[in-house]
N, C-alpha and C. Protein backbone atom coordinates (compact mmCIF):
# COMPACT_ATOMS: atom_id res chain seq x y z
N UNK A 1 -15.97 -6.29 -25.16
CA UNK A 1 -14.97 -5.33 -24.74
C UNK A 1 -13.76 -5.50 -25.64
N UNK A 2 -13.59 -4.63 -26.57
CA UNK A 2 -12.46 -4.70 -27.49
C UNK A 2 -11.74 -3.37 -27.42
N UNK A 3 -10.44 -3.41 -27.15
CA UNK A 3 -9.69 -2.18 -27.03
C UNK A 3 -8.67 -2.01 -28.12
N UNK A 4 -8.52 -2.97 -28.97
CA UNK A 4 -7.44 -2.98 -29.95
C UNK A 4 -7.94 -3.70 -31.17
N UNK A 5 -7.48 -3.33 -32.37
CA UNK A 5 -7.81 -4.17 -33.53
C UNK A 5 -7.27 -5.59 -33.30
N UNK A 6 -7.96 -6.58 -33.80
CA UNK A 6 -7.64 -7.98 -33.51
C UNK A 6 -6.18 -8.31 -33.77
N UNK A 7 -5.66 -7.95 -34.94
CA UNK A 7 -4.27 -8.29 -35.27
C UNK A 7 -3.29 -7.61 -34.32
N UNK A 8 -3.53 -6.33 -34.03
CA UNK A 8 -2.66 -5.62 -33.10
C UNK A 8 -2.74 -6.22 -31.70
N UNK A 9 -3.94 -6.61 -31.29
CA UNK A 9 -4.10 -7.22 -29.98
C UNK A 9 -3.34 -8.54 -29.90
N UNK A 10 -3.40 -9.34 -30.95
CA UNK A 10 -2.68 -10.63 -30.98
C UNK A 10 -1.17 -10.39 -30.86
N UNK A 11 -0.67 -9.38 -31.55
CA UNK A 11 0.76 -9.05 -31.46
C UNK A 11 1.11 -8.63 -30.04
N UNK A 12 0.28 -7.77 -29.45
CA UNK A 12 0.52 -7.30 -28.09
C UNK A 12 0.49 -8.47 -27.10
N UNK A 13 -0.47 -9.36 -27.24
CA UNK A 13 -0.57 -10.52 -26.36
C UNK A 13 0.64 -11.43 -26.51
N UNK A 14 1.14 -11.58 -27.72
CA UNK A 14 2.35 -12.39 -27.94
C UNK A 14 3.56 -11.75 -27.28
N UNK A 15 3.63 -10.43 -27.36
CA UNK A 15 4.74 -9.72 -26.71
C UNK A 15 4.69 -9.91 -25.20
N UNK A 16 3.49 -9.80 -24.64
CA UNK A 16 3.33 -10.01 -23.19
C UNK A 16 3.71 -11.45 -22.84
N UNK A 17 3.26 -12.39 -23.64
CA UNK A 17 3.55 -13.81 -23.38
C UNK A 17 5.04 -14.09 -23.36
N UNK A 18 5.80 -13.31 -24.12
CA UNK A 18 7.25 -13.51 -24.15
C UNK A 18 7.95 -12.77 -23.00
N UNK A 19 7.15 -12.10 -22.14
CA UNK A 19 7.73 -11.46 -20.96
C UNK A 19 8.04 -9.99 -21.13
N UNK A 20 7.56 -9.36 -22.19
CA UNK A 20 7.81 -7.95 -22.45
C UNK A 20 6.99 -7.09 -21.48
N UNK A 21 7.69 -6.48 -20.51
CA UNK A 21 7.00 -5.68 -19.48
C UNK A 21 6.39 -4.40 -20.04
N UNK A 22 7.01 -3.82 -21.06
CA UNK A 22 6.45 -2.61 -21.68
C UNK A 22 5.14 -2.96 -22.39
N UNK A 23 5.09 -4.10 -23.04
CA UNK A 23 3.86 -4.54 -23.69
C UNK A 23 2.79 -4.81 -22.62
N UNK A 24 3.21 -5.36 -21.49
CA UNK A 24 2.27 -5.61 -20.40
C UNK A 24 1.71 -4.29 -19.88
N UNK A 25 2.55 -3.27 -19.75
CA UNK A 25 2.09 -1.95 -19.30
C UNK A 25 1.08 -1.38 -20.30
N UNK A 26 1.36 -1.54 -21.61
CA UNK A 26 0.40 -1.08 -22.63
C UNK A 26 -0.92 -1.83 -22.51
N UNK A 27 -0.83 -3.14 -22.30
CA UNK A 27 -2.03 -3.95 -22.15
C UNK A 27 -2.85 -3.49 -20.94
N UNK A 28 -2.14 -3.24 -19.85
CA UNK A 28 -2.80 -2.76 -18.62
C UNK A 28 -3.54 -1.45 -18.90
N UNK A 29 -2.84 -0.49 -19.50
CA UNK A 29 -3.46 0.81 -19.75
C UNK A 29 -4.57 0.74 -20.78
N UNK A 30 -4.47 -0.21 -21.68
CA UNK A 30 -5.49 -0.37 -22.69
C UNK A 30 -6.81 -0.88 -22.09
N UNK A 31 -6.71 -1.81 -21.14
CA UNK A 31 -7.91 -2.46 -20.61
C UNK A 31 -8.36 -1.99 -19.24
N UNK A 32 -7.52 -1.28 -18.50
CA UNK A 32 -7.93 -0.87 -17.16
C UNK A 32 -9.17 0.02 -17.19
N UNK A 33 -9.30 0.86 -18.20
CA UNK A 33 -10.46 1.75 -18.29
C UNK A 33 -11.75 0.97 -18.53
N UNK A 34 -11.66 -0.22 -19.12
CA UNK A 34 -12.84 -1.05 -19.33
C UNK A 34 -13.23 -1.82 -18.06
N UNK A 35 -12.23 -2.25 -17.31
CA UNK A 35 -12.47 -3.10 -16.14
C UNK A 35 -12.81 -2.27 -14.90
N UNK A 36 -12.12 -1.16 -14.72
CA UNK A 36 -12.25 -0.35 -13.51
C UNK A 36 -13.70 0.00 -13.16
N UNK A 37 -14.48 0.57 -14.10
CA UNK A 37 -15.85 0.96 -13.73
C UNK A 37 -16.73 -0.22 -13.36
N UNK A 38 -16.50 -1.36 -13.98
CA UNK A 38 -17.30 -2.55 -13.68
C UNK A 38 -17.03 -2.99 -12.24
N UNK A 39 -15.76 -3.06 -11.87
CA UNK A 39 -15.39 -3.48 -10.52
C UNK A 39 -15.84 -2.44 -9.50
N UNK A 40 -15.66 -1.17 -9.82
CA UNK A 40 -16.06 -0.09 -8.90
C UNK A 40 -17.56 -0.13 -8.63
N UNK A 41 -18.35 -0.43 -9.66
CA UNK A 41 -19.79 -0.52 -9.49
C UNK A 41 -20.16 -1.61 -8.48
N UNK A 42 -19.38 -2.70 -8.46
CA UNK A 42 -19.66 -3.80 -7.55
C UNK A 42 -19.12 -3.54 -6.14
N UNK A 43 -17.93 -2.97 -6.05
CA UNK A 43 -17.31 -2.79 -4.72
C UNK A 43 -17.71 -1.49 -4.06
N UNK A 44 -17.97 -0.48 -4.88
CA UNK A 44 -18.28 0.87 -4.40
C UNK A 44 -17.17 1.44 -3.51
N UNK A 45 -15.95 1.01 -3.80
CA UNK A 45 -14.79 1.45 -3.02
C UNK A 45 -13.60 1.59 -3.97
N UNK A 46 -13.11 2.82 -4.12
CA UNK A 46 -12.03 3.08 -5.07
C UNK A 46 -10.77 2.31 -4.72
N UNK A 47 -10.38 2.29 -3.45
CA UNK A 47 -9.15 1.61 -3.05
C UNK A 47 -9.25 0.10 -3.29
N UNK A 48 -10.37 -0.50 -2.91
CA UNK A 48 -10.57 -1.93 -3.13
C UNK A 48 -10.56 -2.23 -4.63
N UNK A 49 -11.20 -1.35 -5.40
CA UNK A 49 -11.23 -1.54 -6.85
C UNK A 49 -9.83 -1.52 -7.44
N UNK A 50 -8.99 -0.59 -6.98
CA UNK A 50 -7.61 -0.52 -7.47
C UNK A 50 -6.83 -1.78 -7.09
N UNK A 51 -7.06 -2.29 -5.88
CA UNK A 51 -6.38 -3.51 -5.46
C UNK A 51 -6.85 -4.71 -6.29
N UNK A 52 -8.14 -4.79 -6.55
CA UNK A 52 -8.66 -5.88 -7.37
C UNK A 52 -8.10 -5.78 -8.79
N UNK A 53 -8.02 -4.57 -9.31
CA UNK A 53 -7.45 -4.37 -10.64
C UNK A 53 -6.00 -4.87 -10.68
N UNK A 54 -5.25 -4.59 -9.63
CA UNK A 54 -3.87 -5.09 -9.55
C UNK A 54 -3.86 -6.63 -9.54
N UNK A 55 -4.77 -7.22 -8.77
CA UNK A 55 -4.86 -8.68 -8.71
C UNK A 55 -5.22 -9.28 -10.07
N UNK A 56 -6.13 -8.62 -10.77
CA UNK A 56 -6.55 -9.10 -12.09
C UNK A 56 -5.35 -9.13 -13.03
N UNK A 57 -4.59 -8.04 -13.06
CA UNK A 57 -3.48 -7.98 -14.00
C UNK A 57 -2.29 -8.80 -13.52
N UNK A 58 -2.18 -9.03 -12.23
CA UNK A 58 -1.16 -9.96 -11.74
C UNK A 58 -1.48 -11.36 -12.26
N UNK A 59 -2.76 -11.72 -12.23
CA UNK A 59 -3.17 -13.04 -12.74
C UNK A 59 -2.91 -13.13 -14.24
N UNK A 60 -3.14 -12.04 -14.96
CA UNK A 60 -2.85 -12.03 -16.40
C UNK A 60 -1.36 -12.29 -16.61
N UNK A 61 -0.53 -11.60 -15.83
CA UNK A 61 0.92 -11.77 -15.98
C UNK A 61 1.34 -13.20 -15.65
N UNK A 62 0.78 -13.75 -14.60
CA UNK A 62 1.14 -15.11 -14.21
C UNK A 62 0.68 -16.15 -15.23
N UNK A 63 -0.33 -15.83 -16.01
CA UNK A 63 -0.84 -16.74 -17.04
C UNK A 63 -0.48 -16.25 -18.45
N UNK A 64 0.56 -15.43 -18.53
CA UNK A 64 0.90 -14.78 -19.79
C UNK A 64 1.17 -15.75 -20.94
N UNK A 65 1.68 -16.93 -20.64
CA UNK A 65 1.98 -17.89 -21.69
C UNK A 65 0.72 -18.33 -22.44
N UNK A 66 -0.44 -18.23 -21.79
CA UNK A 66 -1.70 -18.65 -22.41
C UNK A 66 -2.30 -17.57 -23.32
N UNK A 67 -1.82 -16.35 -23.23
CA UNK A 67 -2.45 -15.23 -23.92
C UNK A 67 -2.57 -15.39 -25.43
N UNK A 68 -1.51 -15.85 -26.12
CA UNK A 68 -1.65 -15.95 -27.59
C UNK A 68 -2.73 -16.93 -28.05
N UNK A 69 -3.10 -17.86 -27.19
CA UNK A 69 -4.10 -18.86 -27.55
C UNK A 69 -5.53 -18.35 -27.40
N UNK A 70 -5.71 -17.21 -26.74
CA UNK A 70 -7.05 -16.69 -26.47
C UNK A 70 -7.68 -16.09 -27.72
N UNK A 71 -8.94 -16.40 -27.94
CA UNK A 71 -9.67 -15.82 -29.06
C UNK A 71 -10.39 -14.54 -28.66
N UNK A 72 -10.68 -14.41 -27.36
CA UNK A 72 -11.41 -13.23 -26.88
C UNK A 72 -10.77 -12.77 -25.57
N UNK A 73 -9.65 -12.06 -25.70
CA UNK A 73 -8.93 -11.62 -24.51
C UNK A 73 -9.82 -10.76 -23.61
N UNK A 74 -10.58 -9.84 -24.20
CA UNK A 74 -11.43 -8.95 -23.41
C UNK A 74 -12.43 -9.72 -22.56
N UNK A 75 -13.06 -10.73 -23.14
CA UNK A 75 -14.01 -11.56 -22.39
C UNK A 75 -13.32 -12.35 -21.30
N UNK A 76 -12.14 -12.88 -21.61
CA UNK A 76 -11.36 -13.65 -20.63
C UNK A 76 -10.97 -12.74 -19.47
N UNK A 77 -10.52 -11.53 -19.79
CA UNK A 77 -10.11 -10.58 -18.76
C UNK A 77 -11.31 -10.18 -17.89
N UNK A 78 -12.44 -9.94 -18.52
CA UNK A 78 -13.65 -9.57 -17.79
C UNK A 78 -14.05 -10.70 -16.83
N UNK A 79 -13.95 -11.94 -17.28
CA UNK A 79 -14.29 -13.08 -16.42
C UNK A 79 -13.36 -13.15 -15.21
N UNK A 80 -12.07 -12.93 -15.44
CA UNK A 80 -11.12 -12.92 -14.32
C UNK A 80 -11.48 -11.82 -13.34
N UNK A 81 -11.75 -10.63 -13.87
CA UNK A 81 -12.10 -9.49 -13.01
C UNK A 81 -13.37 -9.78 -12.21
N UNK A 82 -14.34 -10.35 -12.88
CA UNK A 82 -15.60 -10.68 -12.22
C UNK A 82 -15.38 -11.71 -11.11
N UNK A 83 -14.61 -12.76 -11.40
CA UNK A 83 -14.36 -13.80 -10.40
C UNK A 83 -13.60 -13.26 -9.20
N UNK A 84 -12.56 -12.48 -9.44
CA UNK A 84 -11.78 -11.92 -8.33
C UNK A 84 -12.65 -10.99 -7.50
N UNK A 85 -13.46 -10.18 -8.17
CA UNK A 85 -14.34 -9.25 -7.44
C UNK A 85 -15.35 -10.02 -6.60
N UNK A 86 -16.01 -11.01 -7.19
CA UNK A 86 -17.00 -11.77 -6.43
C UNK A 86 -16.35 -12.55 -5.28
N UNK A 87 -15.16 -13.09 -5.51
CA UNK A 87 -14.45 -13.77 -4.42
C UNK A 87 -14.13 -12.80 -3.30
N UNK A 88 -13.73 -11.59 -3.66
CA UNK A 88 -13.45 -10.58 -2.64
C UNK A 88 -14.73 -10.25 -1.85
N UNK A 89 -15.83 -10.06 -2.57
CA UNK A 89 -17.09 -9.72 -1.90
C UNK A 89 -17.57 -10.86 -1.00
N UNK A 90 -17.40 -12.11 -1.47
CA UNK A 90 -17.78 -13.26 -0.64
C UNK A 90 -16.91 -13.32 0.61
N UNK A 91 -15.62 -13.09 0.44
CA UNK A 91 -14.70 -13.09 1.58
C UNK A 91 -15.08 -12.01 2.57
N UNK A 92 -15.43 -10.86 2.06
CA UNK A 92 -15.85 -9.75 2.92
C UNK A 92 -17.11 -10.12 3.70
N UNK A 93 -18.04 -10.77 3.02
CA UNK A 93 -19.28 -11.21 3.69
C UNK A 93 -18.98 -12.24 4.77
N UNK A 94 -18.09 -13.20 4.47
CA UNK A 94 -17.72 -14.21 5.48
C UNK A 94 -17.07 -13.55 6.69
N UNK A 95 -16.21 -12.58 6.43
CA UNK A 95 -15.54 -11.89 7.53
C UNK A 95 -16.55 -11.15 8.39
N UNK A 96 -17.47 -10.45 7.73
CA UNK A 96 -18.51 -9.73 8.48
C UNK A 96 -19.37 -10.71 9.28
N UNK A 97 -19.72 -11.83 8.66
CA UNK A 97 -20.54 -12.83 9.36
C UNK A 97 -19.79 -13.39 10.56
N UNK A 98 -18.48 -13.67 10.39
CA UNK A 98 -17.69 -14.18 11.52
C UNK A 98 -17.60 -13.16 12.64
N UNK A 99 -17.42 -11.91 12.30
CA UNK A 99 -17.34 -10.88 13.33
C UNK A 99 -18.69 -10.72 14.03
N UNK A 100 -19.75 -10.79 13.25
CA UNK A 100 -21.08 -10.69 13.85
C UNK A 100 -21.32 -11.89 14.77
N UNK A 101 -20.95 -13.06 14.30
CA UNK A 101 -21.11 -14.27 15.12
C UNK A 101 -20.29 -14.16 16.40
N UNK A 102 -19.08 -13.65 16.27
CA UNK A 102 -18.21 -13.46 17.43
C UNK A 102 -18.86 -12.50 18.43
N UNK A 103 -19.41 -11.44 17.91
CA UNK A 103 -20.04 -10.43 18.77
C UNK A 103 -21.28 -10.98 19.45
N UNK A 104 -22.12 -11.67 18.69
CA UNK A 104 -23.39 -12.16 19.24
C UNK A 104 -23.18 -13.35 20.17
N UNK A 105 -22.35 -14.32 19.74
CA UNK A 105 -22.21 -15.55 20.49
C UNK A 105 -20.98 -15.58 21.37
N UNK A 106 -20.13 -14.59 21.24
CA UNK A 106 -18.89 -14.58 22.02
C UNK A 106 -17.93 -15.67 21.59
N UNK A 107 -18.05 -16.13 20.35
CA UNK A 107 -17.18 -17.19 19.83
C UNK A 107 -15.92 -16.59 19.23
N UNK A 108 -14.84 -17.35 19.27
CA UNK A 108 -13.61 -16.83 18.66
C UNK A 108 -13.73 -16.79 17.14
N UNK A 109 -13.13 -15.78 16.54
CA UNK A 109 -13.08 -15.68 15.08
C UNK A 109 -12.14 -16.76 14.58
N UNK A 110 -12.43 -17.33 13.41
CA UNK A 110 -11.60 -18.40 12.86
C UNK A 110 -10.12 -18.00 12.91
N UNK A 111 -9.31 -18.80 13.59
CA UNK A 111 -7.90 -18.46 13.65
C UNK A 111 -7.22 -18.69 12.30
N UNK A 112 -6.20 -17.91 12.05
CA UNK A 112 -5.42 -18.05 10.83
C UNK A 112 -4.38 -19.14 11.08
N UNK A 113 -4.19 -20.02 10.09
CA UNK A 113 -3.21 -21.10 10.26
C UNK A 113 -1.81 -20.52 10.23
N UNK A 114 -0.87 -21.25 10.81
CA UNK A 114 0.51 -20.78 10.83
C UNK A 114 1.07 -20.69 9.42
N UNK A 115 0.61 -21.57 8.52
CA UNK A 115 1.05 -21.51 7.12
C UNK A 115 0.56 -20.22 6.46
N UNK A 116 -0.70 -19.85 6.74
CA UNK A 116 -1.23 -18.60 6.20
C UNK A 116 -0.46 -17.40 6.76
N UNK A 117 -0.15 -17.45 8.04
CA UNK A 117 0.61 -16.36 8.65
C UNK A 117 1.98 -16.23 8.01
N UNK A 118 2.63 -17.36 7.75
CA UNK A 118 3.94 -17.36 7.12
C UNK A 118 3.87 -16.76 5.71
N UNK A 119 2.86 -17.18 4.94
CA UNK A 119 2.68 -16.64 3.59
C UNK A 119 2.41 -15.14 3.65
N UNK A 120 1.56 -14.71 4.59
CA UNK A 120 1.27 -13.28 4.74
C UNK A 120 2.55 -12.51 5.05
N UNK A 121 3.39 -13.05 5.92
CA UNK A 121 4.65 -12.38 6.26
C UNK A 121 5.57 -12.31 5.04
N UNK A 122 5.61 -13.38 4.25
CA UNK A 122 6.45 -13.39 3.06
C UNK A 122 5.95 -12.39 2.03
N UNK A 123 4.62 -12.34 1.83
CA UNK A 123 4.04 -11.37 0.90
C UNK A 123 4.32 -9.94 1.38
N UNK A 124 4.13 -9.71 2.68
CA UNK A 124 4.37 -8.38 3.23
C UNK A 124 5.84 -8.00 3.09
N UNK A 125 6.72 -8.94 3.32
CA UNK A 125 8.15 -8.69 3.16
C UNK A 125 8.47 -8.33 1.71
N UNK A 126 7.89 -9.06 0.78
CA UNK A 126 8.10 -8.79 -0.64
C UNK A 126 7.58 -7.39 -1.00
N UNK A 127 6.41 -7.05 -0.51
CA UNK A 127 5.84 -5.74 -0.76
C UNK A 127 6.73 -4.64 -0.17
N UNK A 128 7.20 -4.86 1.06
CA UNK A 128 8.08 -3.87 1.69
C UNK A 128 9.37 -3.67 0.89
N UNK A 129 9.93 -4.77 0.38
CA UNK A 129 11.13 -4.66 -0.45
C UNK A 129 10.84 -3.84 -1.71
N UNK A 130 9.70 -4.10 -2.32
CA UNK A 130 9.32 -3.36 -3.53
C UNK A 130 9.16 -1.88 -3.23
N UNK A 131 8.53 -1.57 -2.10
CA UNK A 131 8.32 -0.17 -1.72
C UNK A 131 9.66 0.52 -1.46
N UNK A 132 10.56 -0.17 -0.78
CA UNK A 132 11.87 0.41 -0.46
C UNK A 132 12.68 0.72 -1.72
N UNK A 133 12.44 0.00 -2.79
CA UNK A 133 13.21 0.18 -4.03
C UNK A 133 12.64 1.30 -4.90
N UNK A 134 11.49 1.85 -4.53
CA UNK A 134 10.88 2.90 -5.33
C UNK A 134 11.71 4.19 -5.29
N UNK A 135 11.69 4.94 -6.38
CA UNK A 135 12.27 6.28 -6.33
C UNK A 135 11.57 7.11 -5.25
N UNK A 136 12.26 8.09 -4.71
CA UNK A 136 11.80 8.84 -3.54
C UNK A 136 10.37 9.39 -3.69
N UNK A 137 10.09 10.08 -4.79
CA UNK A 137 8.77 10.71 -4.97
C UNK A 137 7.67 9.65 -5.09
N UNK A 138 7.96 8.55 -5.80
CA UNK A 138 6.98 7.47 -5.92
C UNK A 138 6.71 6.85 -4.55
N UNK A 139 7.77 6.65 -3.79
CA UNK A 139 7.63 6.05 -2.46
C UNK A 139 6.81 6.95 -1.55
N UNK A 140 7.11 8.24 -1.56
CA UNK A 140 6.35 9.20 -0.74
C UNK A 140 4.87 9.14 -1.10
N UNK A 141 4.60 9.21 -2.39
CA UNK A 141 3.22 9.21 -2.87
C UNK A 141 2.51 7.92 -2.49
N UNK A 142 3.16 6.80 -2.73
CA UNK A 142 2.56 5.50 -2.43
C UNK A 142 2.22 5.41 -0.94
N UNK A 143 3.16 5.78 -0.09
CA UNK A 143 2.93 5.67 1.36
C UNK A 143 1.82 6.59 1.83
N UNK A 144 1.76 7.81 1.30
CA UNK A 144 0.70 8.74 1.70
C UNK A 144 -0.68 8.21 1.32
N UNK A 145 -0.77 7.62 0.13
CA UNK A 145 -2.08 7.17 -0.34
C UNK A 145 -2.45 5.79 0.18
N UNK A 146 -1.53 4.85 0.12
CA UNK A 146 -1.85 3.48 0.50
C UNK A 146 -1.73 3.22 2.00
N UNK A 147 -0.73 3.84 2.63
CA UNK A 147 -0.53 3.58 4.06
C UNK A 147 -1.30 4.59 4.92
N UNK A 148 -1.15 5.87 4.59
CA UNK A 148 -1.83 6.91 5.37
C UNK A 148 -3.25 7.15 4.91
N UNK A 149 -3.63 6.53 3.79
CA UNK A 149 -4.98 6.58 3.22
C UNK A 149 -5.46 8.00 2.93
N UNK A 150 -4.54 8.83 2.44
CA UNK A 150 -4.93 10.16 2.00
C UNK A 150 -5.52 10.07 0.60
N UNK A 151 -6.36 11.01 0.25
CA UNK A 151 -6.85 11.10 -1.12
C UNK A 151 -5.73 11.67 -1.97
N UNK A 152 -5.89 11.60 -3.26
CA UNK A 152 -4.87 12.16 -4.15
C UNK A 152 -4.73 13.67 -3.92
N UNK A 153 -5.87 14.32 -3.71
CA UNK A 153 -5.83 15.77 -3.49
C UNK A 153 -5.11 16.11 -2.19
N UNK A 154 -5.37 15.34 -1.13
CA UNK A 154 -4.69 15.57 0.14
C UNK A 154 -3.19 15.33 0.00
N UNK A 155 -2.82 14.27 -0.70
CA UNK A 155 -1.41 13.96 -0.91
C UNK A 155 -0.75 15.07 -1.73
N UNK A 156 -1.46 15.58 -2.72
CA UNK A 156 -0.91 16.66 -3.55
C UNK A 156 -0.64 17.90 -2.71
N UNK A 157 -1.58 18.23 -1.83
CA UNK A 157 -1.37 19.39 -0.94
C UNK A 157 -0.16 19.16 -0.03
N UNK A 158 -0.07 17.98 0.54
CA UNK A 158 1.04 17.69 1.45
C UNK A 158 2.38 17.71 0.73
N UNK A 159 2.41 17.18 -0.50
CA UNK A 159 3.65 17.14 -1.26
C UNK A 159 3.90 18.44 -2.04
N UNK A 160 2.90 19.31 -2.04
CA UNK A 160 2.96 20.59 -2.74
C UNK A 160 3.20 20.40 -4.24
N UNK A 161 2.40 19.48 -4.80
CA UNK A 161 2.46 19.21 -6.23
C UNK A 161 1.03 19.15 -6.77
N UNK A 162 0.92 19.10 -8.06
CA UNK A 162 -0.37 19.00 -8.74
C UNK A 162 -0.96 17.60 -8.51
N UNK A 163 -2.28 17.47 -8.36
CA UNK A 163 -2.88 16.14 -8.21
C UNK A 163 -2.55 15.19 -9.37
N UNK A 164 -2.36 15.71 -10.57
CA UNK A 164 -1.98 14.87 -11.71
C UNK A 164 -0.58 14.28 -11.51
N UNK A 165 0.30 15.04 -10.84
CA UNK A 165 1.64 14.53 -10.53
C UNK A 165 1.52 13.38 -9.54
N UNK A 166 0.64 13.53 -8.58
CA UNK A 166 0.40 12.46 -7.61
C UNK A 166 -0.12 11.23 -8.32
N UNK A 167 -1.08 11.42 -9.22
CA UNK A 167 -1.63 10.29 -9.97
C UNK A 167 -0.53 9.59 -10.77
N UNK A 168 0.29 10.38 -11.45
CA UNK A 168 1.37 9.83 -12.25
C UNK A 168 2.38 9.06 -11.39
N UNK A 169 2.76 9.66 -10.26
CA UNK A 169 3.71 9.00 -9.35
C UNK A 169 3.12 7.72 -8.77
N UNK A 170 1.84 7.75 -8.42
CA UNK A 170 1.20 6.55 -7.88
C UNK A 170 1.12 5.46 -8.94
N UNK A 171 0.74 5.83 -10.16
CA UNK A 171 0.68 4.84 -11.25
C UNK A 171 2.05 4.21 -11.48
N UNK A 172 3.09 5.04 -11.50
CA UNK A 172 4.45 4.53 -11.70
C UNK A 172 4.86 3.62 -10.54
N UNK A 173 4.53 4.03 -9.32
CA UNK A 173 4.87 3.23 -8.15
C UNK A 173 4.18 1.88 -8.21
N UNK A 174 2.90 1.87 -8.58
CA UNK A 174 2.16 0.61 -8.66
C UNK A 174 2.75 -0.30 -9.74
N UNK A 175 3.13 0.27 -10.89
CA UNK A 175 3.75 -0.53 -11.94
C UNK A 175 5.07 -1.12 -11.46
N UNK A 176 5.88 -0.29 -10.78
CA UNK A 176 7.18 -0.76 -10.28
C UNK A 176 7.00 -1.85 -9.22
N UNK A 177 6.05 -1.65 -8.33
CA UNK A 177 5.79 -2.65 -7.28
C UNK A 177 5.30 -3.94 -7.92
N UNK A 178 4.38 -3.82 -8.86
CA UNK A 178 3.84 -5.00 -9.53
C UNK A 178 4.95 -5.77 -10.24
N UNK A 179 5.80 -5.05 -10.98
CA UNK A 179 6.88 -5.70 -11.72
C UNK A 179 7.84 -6.40 -10.76
N UNK A 180 8.19 -5.73 -9.67
CA UNK A 180 9.10 -6.33 -8.68
C UNK A 180 8.47 -7.58 -8.07
N UNK A 181 7.20 -7.46 -7.67
CA UNK A 181 6.53 -8.60 -7.02
C UNK A 181 6.37 -9.77 -7.98
N UNK A 182 6.00 -9.48 -9.21
CA UNK A 182 5.84 -10.56 -10.19
C UNK A 182 7.18 -11.25 -10.41
N UNK A 183 8.24 -10.46 -10.52
CA UNK A 183 9.57 -11.04 -10.76
C UNK A 183 10.04 -11.89 -9.59
N UNK A 184 9.64 -11.52 -8.37
CA UNK A 184 10.12 -12.22 -7.18
C UNK A 184 9.09 -13.16 -6.56
N UNK A 185 7.88 -13.17 -7.12
CA UNK A 185 6.80 -13.98 -6.55
C UNK A 185 7.02 -15.47 -6.80
N UNK A 186 7.73 -15.81 -7.86
CA UNK A 186 7.91 -17.22 -8.21
C UNK A 186 8.46 -18.05 -7.06
N UNK A 187 9.45 -17.53 -6.34
CA UNK A 187 10.06 -18.32 -5.28
C UNK A 187 9.12 -18.49 -4.08
N UNK A 188 8.21 -17.55 -3.88
CA UNK A 188 7.26 -17.69 -2.77
C UNK A 188 6.24 -18.77 -3.10
N UNK A 189 5.83 -18.84 -4.37
CA UNK A 189 4.78 -19.79 -4.76
C UNK A 189 5.29 -21.23 -4.84
N UNK A 190 6.60 -21.42 -4.88
CA UNK A 190 7.15 -22.79 -4.99
C UNK A 190 7.04 -23.56 -3.72
């Protein structure tokens, strides 16, 4: 999976490693088309695939200092995408098994630890802050699609705009949310 001439890719990776968010956005757009169909084939769910894609590129951003040292960025990225996807699918299977066990045996589902609950609240708070900071149209679009689970076409009808405008607003919203979360995630992970 190669999306860029080697020298240009090395320059782009160095820019990302130095914290250049525009270079990161270019990197995302360059490789998302390669990763998306692979993940979608495994998950068979567009929304889950988009979330996994966000997780993949969040991991890239968090490991950005390592990027210039990579000889095969595409292969490294594919491995990350594959691992995150398989971990998600395993987690989904465990959840289904626990629910089935609960139903059959009447056993309680594994309780979430208070530490996990605290982290979930902190992540949700961070996400809510990022959403609140979005420009009005991006926020509307994001909430209709992610919270109300409308399709892009349904959101376009409700907002009385073209579906491509919805796609553009959602892409911008996701980039803004990702940038905000990455910038503020450091203090949560400490």
